[in-house]
Amino acid sequence: MLDLYSCNTPNGQKVHIFLEEAQLEYEIRWVDITKGDQFEPAFLKVSPNNKIPAIVDFDGPDGQSISVFESGAILIYLADKTGKFLPTAQRARTEVMEWLMFQMANVGPMLGQAHHFRAYCPERVPYAIERYTKEAARIYRVLDDRLAEREFVADEYSIADMAIFPWIRLHERQGQNLEDHLNLSRWFNAIAQRPAVARDMEWLEAVVDKIDDEMWDNMWGDKQYEKH
């Protein structure tokens, strides 16, 4: 049994996808980042960086409870625990890890910035919008090229696909058109139709459109820099 601390963001969704794909028993502990739940002492014990997702596995190593934060680390932990969606052969495992790290270092940060400056920033910052929209387009091209002759980003469906998919679903908010990337579009639609991914997609896909001062402060403002 696991507890999943999460909310409706791409980083939260990637772990939800794994848990559904692996058919693991879990309970969602909703963390409302718009209201500042991420700064509560109980959550900080699980995720000291005050970010979702995080998990508590009550049947961890040696039968002892363990908490894990950072979405990439969680995916690796769960894959190793279950023996699913991460090959054990070194060459194949390395390939999956490459693309998982590509997501962690490039897809998430750059597409997230494009989304932020295009959708949420209270003032228009043309340089930031242009920079991150162009970088998003470059990343989309990298993925499109990778998927030109393969079904998944590695040889088989893996945690790398799970990590990348939730960020691509926000393509319109990143200023990207999937029709310009036909290989990526084919991959995206195939992943979206997987039963484990489609399950509960409605609430996982919800995005916040209206940001008030309190929500801004909790997600991007001075609240982030206070000692908790």
C-alpha atoms as a PDB file:
ATOM      1  CA  MET A   1       0.000   0.000   0.000  1.00  0.00           C
ATOM      2  CA  LEU A   2       1.269   3.446  -0.939  1.00  0.00           C
ATOM      3  CA  ASP A   3       0.235   7.001  -0.254  1.00  0.00           C
ATOM      4  CA  LEU A   4       0.600   9.341  -3.232  1.00  0.00           C
ATOM      5  CA  TYR A   5       0.904  13.016  -2.377  1.00  0.00           C
ATOM      6  CA  SER A   6      -0.125  14.794  -5.535  1.00  0.00           C
ATOM      7  CA  CYS A   7      -2.312  17.265  -7.389  1.00  0.00           C
ATOM      8  CA  ASN A   8      -3.291  17.882 -11.006  1.00  0.00           C
ATOM      9  CA  THR A   9       0.106  18.798 -12.486  1.00  0.00           C
ATOM     10  CA  PRO A  10       2.220  16.963 -15.071  1.00  0.00           C
ATOM     11  CA  ASN A  11       4.700  15.848 -12.419  1.00  0.00           C
ATOM     12  CA  GLY A  12       1.896  14.416 -10.334  1.00  0.00           C
ATOM     13  CA  GLN A  13       0.247  12.767 -13.302  1.00  0.00           C
ATOM     14  CA  LYS A  14       3.337  10.805 -14.350  1.00  0.00           C
ATOM     15  CA  VAL A  15       3.393   8.919 -11.040  1.00  0.00           C
ATOM     16  CA  HIS A  16      -0.368   8.357 -11.164  1.00  0.00           C
ATOM     17  CA  ILE A  17       0.105   6.790 -14.606  1.00  0.00           C
ATOM     18  CA  PHE A  18       2.712   4.359 -13.294  1.00  0.00           C
ATOM     19  CA  LEU A  19       0.557   3.319 -10.349  1.00  0.00           C
ATOM     20  CA  GLU A  20      -2.390   2.697 -12.644  1.00  0.00           C
ATOM     21  CA  GLU A  21      -0.281   0.848 -15.224  1.00  0.00           C
ATOM     22  CA  ALA A  22       1.280  -1.378 -12.552  1.00  0.00           C
ATOM     23  CA  GLN A  23      -2.094  -1.841 -10.818  1.00  0.00           C
ATOM     24  CA  LEU A  24      -0.607  -0.980  -7.443  1.00  0.00           C
ATOM     25  CA  GLU A  25      -2.828  -0.272  -4.475  1.00  0.00           C
ATOM     26  CA  TYR A  26      -2.536   3.361  -3.434  1.00  0.00           C
ATOM     27  CA  GLU A  27      -4.376   6.233  -1.840  1.00  0.00           C
ATOM     28  CA  ILE A  28      -4.152   9.822  -3.036  1.00  0.00           C
ATOM     29  CA  ARG A  29      -3.284  12.463  -0.463  1.00  0.00           C
ATOM     30  CA  TRP A  30      -4.348  15.630  -2.236  1.00  0.00           C
ATOM     31  CA  VAL A  31      -1.965  18.561  -1.862  1.00  0.00           C
ATOM     32  CA  ASP A  32      -3.661  21.808  -2.881  1.00  0.00           C
ATOM     33  CA  ILE A  33      -0.689  23.895  -3.974  1.00  0.00           C
ATOM     34  CA  THR A  34      -2.949  26.888  -4.613  1.00  0.00           C
ATOM     35  CA  LYS A  35      -3.812  26.997  -0.894  1.00  0.00           C
ATOM     36  CA  GLY A  36      -0.309  26.339   0.425  1.00  0.00           C
ATOM     37  CA  ASP A  37      -0.718  22.705   1.499  1.00  0.00           C
ATOM     38  CA  GLN A  38       2.829  22.088   0.254  1.00  0.00           C
ATOM     39  CA  PHE A  39       4.216  24.106   3.168  1.00  0.00           C
ATOM     40  CA  GLU A  40       2.521  22.079   5.899  1.00  0.00           C
ATOM     41  CA  PRO A  41       5.028  20.431   8.304  1.00  0.00           C
ATOM     42  CA  ALA A  42       3.564  16.968   7.750  1.00  0.00           C
ATOM     43  CA  PHE A  43       4.076  17.229   3.994  1.00  0.00           C
ATOM     44  CA  LEU A  44       7.582  18.672   4.363  1.00  0.00           C
ATOM     45  CA  LYS A  45       8.593  15.531   6.255  1.00  0.00           C
ATOM     46  CA  VAL A  46       7.785  13.582   3.105  1.00  0.00           C
ATOM     47  CA  SER A  47       8.915  16.162   0.536  1.00  0.00           C
ATOM     48  CA  PRO A  48      11.456  18.606   2.008  1.00  0.00           C
ATOM     49  CA  ASN A  49      11.549  20.602  -1.252  1.00  0.00           C
ATOM     50  CA  ASN A  50       7.827  21.421  -0.752  1.00  0.00           C
ATOM     51  CA  LYS A  51       6.951  20.071  -4.198  1.00  0.00           C
ATOM     52  CA  ILE A  52       4.637  17.311  -5.367  1.00  0.00           C
ATOM     53  CA  PRO A  53       4.648  14.439  -6.054  1.00  0.00           C
ATOM     54  CA  ALA A  54       5.897  12.333  -3.183  1.00  0.00           C
ATOM     55  CA  ILE A  55       5.065   8.848  -2.016  1.00  0.00           C
ATOM     56  CA  VAL A  56       5.137   6.838   1.168  1.00  0.00           C
ATOM     57  CA  ASP A  57       5.546   3.128   0.571  1.00  0.00           C
ATOM     58  CA  PHE A  58       4.480   1.273   3.704  1.00  0.00           C
ATOM     59  CA  ASP A  59       6.074  -1.910   2.360  1.00  0.00           C
ATOM     60  CA  GLY A  60       9.469  -0.511   1.466  1.00  0.00           C
ATOM     61  CA  PRO A  61      12.929  -2.089   1.573  1.00  0.00           C
ATOM     62  CA  ASP A  62      13.258  -4.772   4.234  1.00  0.00           C
ATOM     63  CA  GLY A  63       9.555  -4.356   4.957  1.00  0.00           C
ATOM     64  CA  GLN A  64      10.074  -0.893   6.413  1.00  0.00           C
ATOM     65  CA  SER A  65       8.204   2.264   5.383  1.00  0.00           C
ATOM     66  CA  ILE A  66      10.020   4.639   3.029  1.00  0.00           C
ATOM     67  CA  SER A  67       9.169   8.038   1.601  1.00  0.00           C
ATOM     68  CA  VAL A  68      10.403   9.194  -1.807  1.00  0.00           C
ATOM     69  CA  PHE A  69      10.188  12.665  -3.348  1.00  0.00           C
ATOM     70  CA  GLU A  70      11.032  13.969  -6.854  1.00  0.00           C
ATOM     71  CA  SER A  71       9.017  12.430  -9.674  1.00  0.00           C
ATOM     72  CA  GLY A  72      11.963  10.880 -11.499  1.00  0.00           C
ATOM     73  CA  ALA A  73      13.238   9.216  -8.345  1.00  0.00           C
ATOM     74  CA  ILE A  74       9.741   7.938  -7.603  1.00  0.00           C
ATOM     75  CA  LEU A  75       9.399   6.398 -11.072  1.00  0.00           C
ATOM     76  CA  ILE A  76      12.766   4.658 -10.766  1.00  0.00           C
ATOM     77  CA  TYR A  77      11.935   3.421  -7.267  1.00  0.00           C
ATOM     78  CA  LEU A  78       8.561   2.033  -8.341  1.00  0.00           C
ATOM     79  CA  ALA A  79      10.011   0.461 -11.481  1.00  0.00           C
ATOM     80  CA  ASP A  80      12.714  -1.274  -9.465  1.00  0.00           C
ATOM     81  CA  LYS A  81      10.199  -2.338  -6.819  1.00  0.00           C
ATOM     82  CA  THR A  82       7.792  -3.895  -9.300  1.00  0.00           C
ATOM     83  CA  GLY A  83      10.190  -4.969 -12.034  1.00  0.00           C
ATOM     84  CA  LYS A  84       8.034  -3.135 -14.574  1.00  0.00           C
ATOM     85  CA  PHE A  85       8.612  -0.437 -17.214  1.00  0.00           C
ATOM     86  CA  LEU A  86      12.406  -0.244 -16.712  1.00  0.00           C
ATOM     87  CA  PRO A  87      14.600  -2.910 -18.305  1.00  0.00           C
ATOM     88  CA  THR A  88      17.253  -4.670 -16.250  1.00  0.00           C
ATOM     89  CA  ALA A  89      19.675  -5.207 -19.158  1.00  0.00           C
ATOM     90  CA  GLN A  90      22.232  -2.413 -18.896  1.00  0.00           C
ATOM     91  CA  ARG A  91      22.036  -1.103 -22.469  1.00  0.00           C
ATOM     92  CA  ALA A  92      18.227  -0.984 -22.512  1.00  0.00           C
ATOM     93  CA  ARG A  93      18.064   0.446 -18.975  1.00  0.00           C
ATOM     94  CA  THR A  94      20.560   3.165 -19.893  1.00  0.00           C
ATOM     95  CA  GLU A  95      18.452   4.151 -22.901  1.00  0.00           C
ATOM     96  CA  VAL A  96      15.348   4.556 -20.751  1.00  0.00           C
ATOM     97  CA  MET A  97      17.309   6.507 -18.142  1.00  0.00           C
ATOM     98  CA  GLU A  98      18.665   8.849 -20.828  1.00  0.00           C
ATOM     99  CA  TRP A  99      15.178   9.839 -21.912  1.00  0.00           C
ATOM    100  CA  LEU A 100      13.898  10.036 -18.367  1.00  0.00           C
ATOM    101  CA  MET A 101      16.721  12.474 -17.575  1.00  0.00           C
ATOM    102  CA  PHE A 102      15.916  14.344 -20.793  1.00  0.00           C
ATOM    103  CA  GLN A 103      12.441  14.850 -19.408  1.00  0.00           C
ATOM    104  CA  MET A 104      13.681  15.934 -16.000  1.00  0.00           C
ATOM    105  CA  ALA A 105      16.313  18.343 -17.343  1.00  0.00           C
ATOM    106  CA  ASN A 106      14.644  19.644 -20.499  1.00  0.00           C
ATOM    107  CA  VAL A 107      11.017  18.734 -21.126  1.00  0.00           C
ATOM    108  CA  GLY A 108       9.675  19.663 -17.700  1.00  0.00           C
ATOM    109  CA  PRO A 109      11.689  22.820 -16.970  1.00  0.00           C
ATOM    110  CA  MET A 110      11.562  24.352 -20.456  1.00  0.00           C
ATOM    111  CA  LEU A 111       7.960  23.487 -21.302  1.00  0.00           C
ATOM    112  CA  GLY A 112       6.971  24.578 -17.827  1.00  0.00           C
ATOM    113  CA  GLN A 113       8.566  27.980 -18.365  1.00  0.00           C
ATOM    114  CA  ALA A 114       6.839  28.345 -21.739  1.00  0.00           C
ATOM    115  CA  HIS A 115       3.529  27.534 -20.063  1.00  0.00           C
ATOM    116  CA  HIS A 116       4.184  29.940 -17.200  1.00  0.00           C
ATOM    117  CA  PHE A 117       5.157  32.967 -19.266  1.00  0.00           C
ATOM    118  CA  ARG A 118       2.462  32.382 -21.869  1.00  0.00           C
ATOM    119  CA  ALA A 119      -0.429  31.564 -19.499  1.00  0.00           C
ATOM    120  CA  TYR A 120       0.270  32.784 -15.974  1.00  0.00           C
ATOM    121  CA  CYS A 121       2.784  35.618 -15.887  1.00  0.00           C
ATOM    122  CA  PRO A 122       0.853  38.792 -14.910  1.00  0.00           C
ATOM    123  CA  GLU A 123       2.828  40.884 -17.382  1.00  0.00           C
ATOM    124  CA  ARG A 124       3.915  40.139 -20.917  1.00  0.00           C
ATOM    125  CA  VAL A 125       7.645  39.482 -21.107  1.00  0.00           C
ATOM    126  CA  PRO A 126       8.382  39.174 -24.841  1.00  0.00           C
ATOM    127  CA  TYR A 127      11.951  37.924 -24.391  1.00  0.00           C
ATOM    128  CA  ALA A 128      10.885  35.133 -22.014  1.00  0.00           C
ATOM    129  CA  ILE A 129       7.912  34.162 -24.171  1.00  0.00           C
ATOM    130  CA  GLU A 130      10.063  33.955 -27.302  1.00  0.00           C
ATOM    131  CA  ARG A 131      12.936  32.155 -25.593  1.00  0.00           C
ATOM    132  CA  TYR A 132      10.885  29.423 -23.968  1.00  0.00           C
ATOM    133  CA  THR A 133       8.442  28.977 -26.849  1.00  0.00           C
ATOM    134  CA  LYS A 134      11.384  28.427 -29.201  1.00  0.00           C
ATOM    135  CA  GLU A 135      13.046  26.051 -26.748  1.00  0.00           C
ATOM    136  CA  ALA A 136       9.781  24.131 -26.443  1.00  0.00           C
ATOM    137  CA  ALA A 137       9.664  23.842 -30.237  1.00  0.00           C
ATOM    138  CA  ARG A 138      13.245  22.542 -30.270  1.00  0.00           C
ATOM    139  CA  ILE A 139      12.396  19.890 -27.668  1.00  0.00           C
ATOM    140  CA  TYR A 140       9.321  18.868 -29.654  1.00  0.00           C
ATOM    141  CA  ARG A 141      11.560  18.399 -32.715  1.00  0.00           C
ATOM    142  CA  VAL A 142      13.985  16.249 -30.720  1.00  0.00           C
ATOM    143  CA  LEU A 143      11.121  14.017 -29.626  1.00  0.00           C
ATOM    144  CA  ASP A 144       9.573  13.947 -33.097  1.00  0.00           C
ATOM    145  CA  ASP A 145      12.876  12.852 -34.626  1.00  0.00           C
ATOM    146  CA  ARG A 146      13.322  10.216 -31.952  1.00  0.00           C
ATOM    147  CA  LEU A 147       9.876   8.775 -32.654  1.00  0.00           C
ATOM    148  CA  ALA A 148      10.262   8.730 -36.432  1.00  0.00           C
ATOM    149  CA  GLU A 149      11.031   5.008 -36.569  1.00  0.00           C
ATOM    150  CA  ARG A 150       9.966   3.725 -33.163  1.00  0.00           C
ATOM    151  CA  GLU A 151       6.751   3.277 -31.220  1.00  0.00           C
ATOM    152  CA  PHE A 152       8.084   4.590 -27.897  1.00  0.00           C
ATOM    153  CA  VAL A 153      10.990   6.795 -26.870  1.00  0.00           C
ATOM    154  CA  ALA A 154      12.947   3.659 -25.904  1.00  0.00           C
ATOM    155  CA  ASP A 155      12.564   0.137 -27.263  1.00  0.00           C
ATOM    156  CA  GLU A 156       9.524  -0.591 -25.095  1.00  0.00           C
ATOM    157  CA  TYR A 157       6.894   1.421 -23.243  1.00  0.00           C
ATOM    158  CA  SER A 158       8.632   2.667 -20.126  1.00  0.00           C
ATOM    159  CA  ILE A 159       8.818   5.229 -17.348  1.00  0.00           C
ATOM    160  CA  ALA A 160      10.355   7.602 -19.903  1.00  0.00           C
ATOM    161  CA  ASP A 161       7.083   7.682 -21.877  1.00  0.00           C
ATOM    162  CA  MET A 162       5.113   8.129 -18.657  1.00  0.00           C
ATOM    163  CA  ALA A 163       7.293  11.067 -17.657  1.00  0.00           C
ATOM    164  CA  ILE A 164       7.117  12.888 -20.995  1.00  0.00           C
ATOM    165  CA  PHE A 165       3.452  12.390 -21.861  1.00  0.00           C
ATOM    166  CA  PRO A 166       1.839  14.688 -19.242  1.00  0.00           C
ATOM    167  CA  TRP A 167       3.920  17.646 -20.425  1.00  0.00           C
ATOM    168  CA  ILE A 168       2.975  17.177 -24.075  1.00  0.00           C
ATOM    169  CA  ARG A 169      -0.737  17.250 -23.218  1.00  0.00           C
ATOM    170  CA  LEU A 170      -0.279  20.979 -22.463  1.00  0.00           C
ATOM    171  CA  HIS A 171       1.125  21.678 -25.934  1.00  0.00           C
ATOM    172  CA  GLU A 172      -1.336  24.470 -26.760  1.00  0.00           C
ATOM    173  CA  ARG A 173      -0.367  26.410 -23.649  1.00  0.00           C
ATOM    174  CA  GLN A 174       3.278  26.032 -24.648  1.00  0.00           C
ATOM    175  CA  GLY A 175       2.589  27.555 -28.059  1.00  0.00           C
ATOM    176  CA  GLN A 176       3.046  24.256 -29.902  1.00  0.00           C
ATOM    177  CA  ASN A 177       0.923  22.553 -32.546  1.00  0.00           C
ATOM    178  CA  LEU A 178       1.112  18.759 -32.508  1.00  0.00           C
ATOM    179  CA  GLU A 179       0.170  18.696 -36.191  1.00  0.00           C
ATOM    180  CA  ASP A 180       3.630  20.114 -36.872  1.00  0.00           C
ATOM    181  CA  HIS A 181       5.159  17.009 -35.266  1.00  0.00           C
ATOM    182  CA  LEU A 182       3.408  14.010 -36.762  1.00  0.00           C
ATOM    183  CA  ASN A 183       5.534  11.321 -35.095  1.00  0.00           C
ATOM    184  CA  LEU A 184       5.129  12.914 -31.693  1.00  0.00           C
ATOM    185  CA  SER A 185       1.402  13.357 -32.337  1.00  0.00           C
ATOM    186  CA  ARG A 186       1.019   9.658 -33.206  1.00  0.00           C
ATOM    187  CA  TRP A 187       2.872   8.676 -30.020  1.00  0.00           C
ATOM    188  CA  PHE A 188       0.849  11.089 -27.889  1.00  0.00           C
ATOM    189  CA  ASN A 189      -2.496   9.799 -29.136  1.00  0.00           C
ATOM    190  CA  ALA A 190      -1.429   6.184 -28.624  1.00  0.00           C
ATOM    191  CA  ILE A 191      -0.350   6.844 -25.026  1.00  0.00           C
ATOM    192  CA  ALA A 192      -3.537   8.811 -24.298  1.00  0.00           C
ATOM    193  CA  GLN A 193      -5.641   5.807 -25.360  1.00  0.00           C
ATOM    194  CA  ARG A 194      -3.990   3.397 -22.942  1.00  0.00           C
ATOM    195  CA  PRO A 195      -6.644   2.435 -20.356  1.00  0.00           C
ATOM    196  CA  ALA A 196      -4.395   3.207 -17.393  1.00  0.00           C
ATOM    197  CA  VAL A 197      -3.615   6.658 -18.790  1.00  0.00           C
ATOM    198  CA  ALA A 198      -7.179   7.485 -19.782  1.00  0.00           C
ATOM    199  CA  ARG A 199      -8.484   6.542 -16.344  1.00  0.00           C
ATOM    200  CA  ASP A 200      -9.357   9.599 -14.255  1.00  0.00           C
ATOM    201  CA  MET A 201      -7.887  11.820 -16.969  1.00  0.00           C
ATOM    202  CA  GLU A 202     -10.556  14.488 -16.533  1.00  0.00           C
ATOM    203  CA  TRP A 203      -9.476  15.607 -13.073  1.00  0.00           C
ATOM    204  CA  LEU A 204      -5.806  15.021 -13.789  1.00  0.00           C
ATOM    205  CA  GLU A 205      -5.970  17.323 -16.801  1.00  0.00           C
ATOM    206  CA  ALA A 206      -7.637  20.213 -14.988  1.00  0.00           C
ATOM    207  CA  VAL A 207      -5.587  23.404 -15.100  1.00  0.00           C
ATOM    208  CA  VAL A 208      -5.967  26.606 -13.135  1.00  0.00           C
ATOM    209  CA  ASP A 209      -7.050  29.495 -15.338  1.00  0.00           C
ATOM    210  CA  LYS A 210      -7.799  32.218 -12.811  1.00  0.00           C
ATOM    211  CA  ILE A 211      -5.027  33.073 -10.367  1.00  0.00           C
ATOM    212  CA  ASP A 212      -5.749  35.317  -7.399  1.00  0.00           C
ATOM    213  CA  ASP A 213      -3.109  36.921  -5.175  1.00  0.00           C
ATOM    214  CA  GLU A 214      -3.140  34.133  -2.583  1.00  0.00           C
ATOM    215  CA  MET A 215      -2.749  31.426  -5.206  1.00  0.00           C
ATOM    216  CA  TRP A 216       0.088  33.314  -6.884  1.00  0.00           C
ATOM    217  CA  ASP A 217       1.875  33.804  -3.571  1.00  0.00           C
ATOM    218  CA  ASN A 218       1.619  30.092  -2.753  1.00  0.00           C
ATOM    219  CA  MET A 219       2.762  28.823  -6.141  1.00  0.00           C
ATOM    220  CA  TRP A 220       5.258  31.402  -7.401  1.00  0.00           C
ATOM    221  CA  GLY A 221       5.424  34.296  -4.930  1.00  0.00           C
ATOM    222  CA  ASP A 222       7.148  35.160  -1.668  1.00  0.00           C
ATOM    223  CA  LYS A 223       5.584  32.209   0.183  1.00  0.00           C
ATOM    224  CA  GLN A 224       8.109  29.996  -1.611  1.00  0.00           C
ATOM    225  CA  TYR A 225      11.008  31.770   0.086  1.00  0.00           C
ATOM    226  CA  GLU A 226       9.786  31.823   3.654  1.00  0.00           C
ATOM    227  CA  LYS A 227      11.147  29.381   6.202  1.00  0.00           C
ATOM    228  CA  HIS A 228       8.594  26.677   6.921  1.00  0.00           C
END
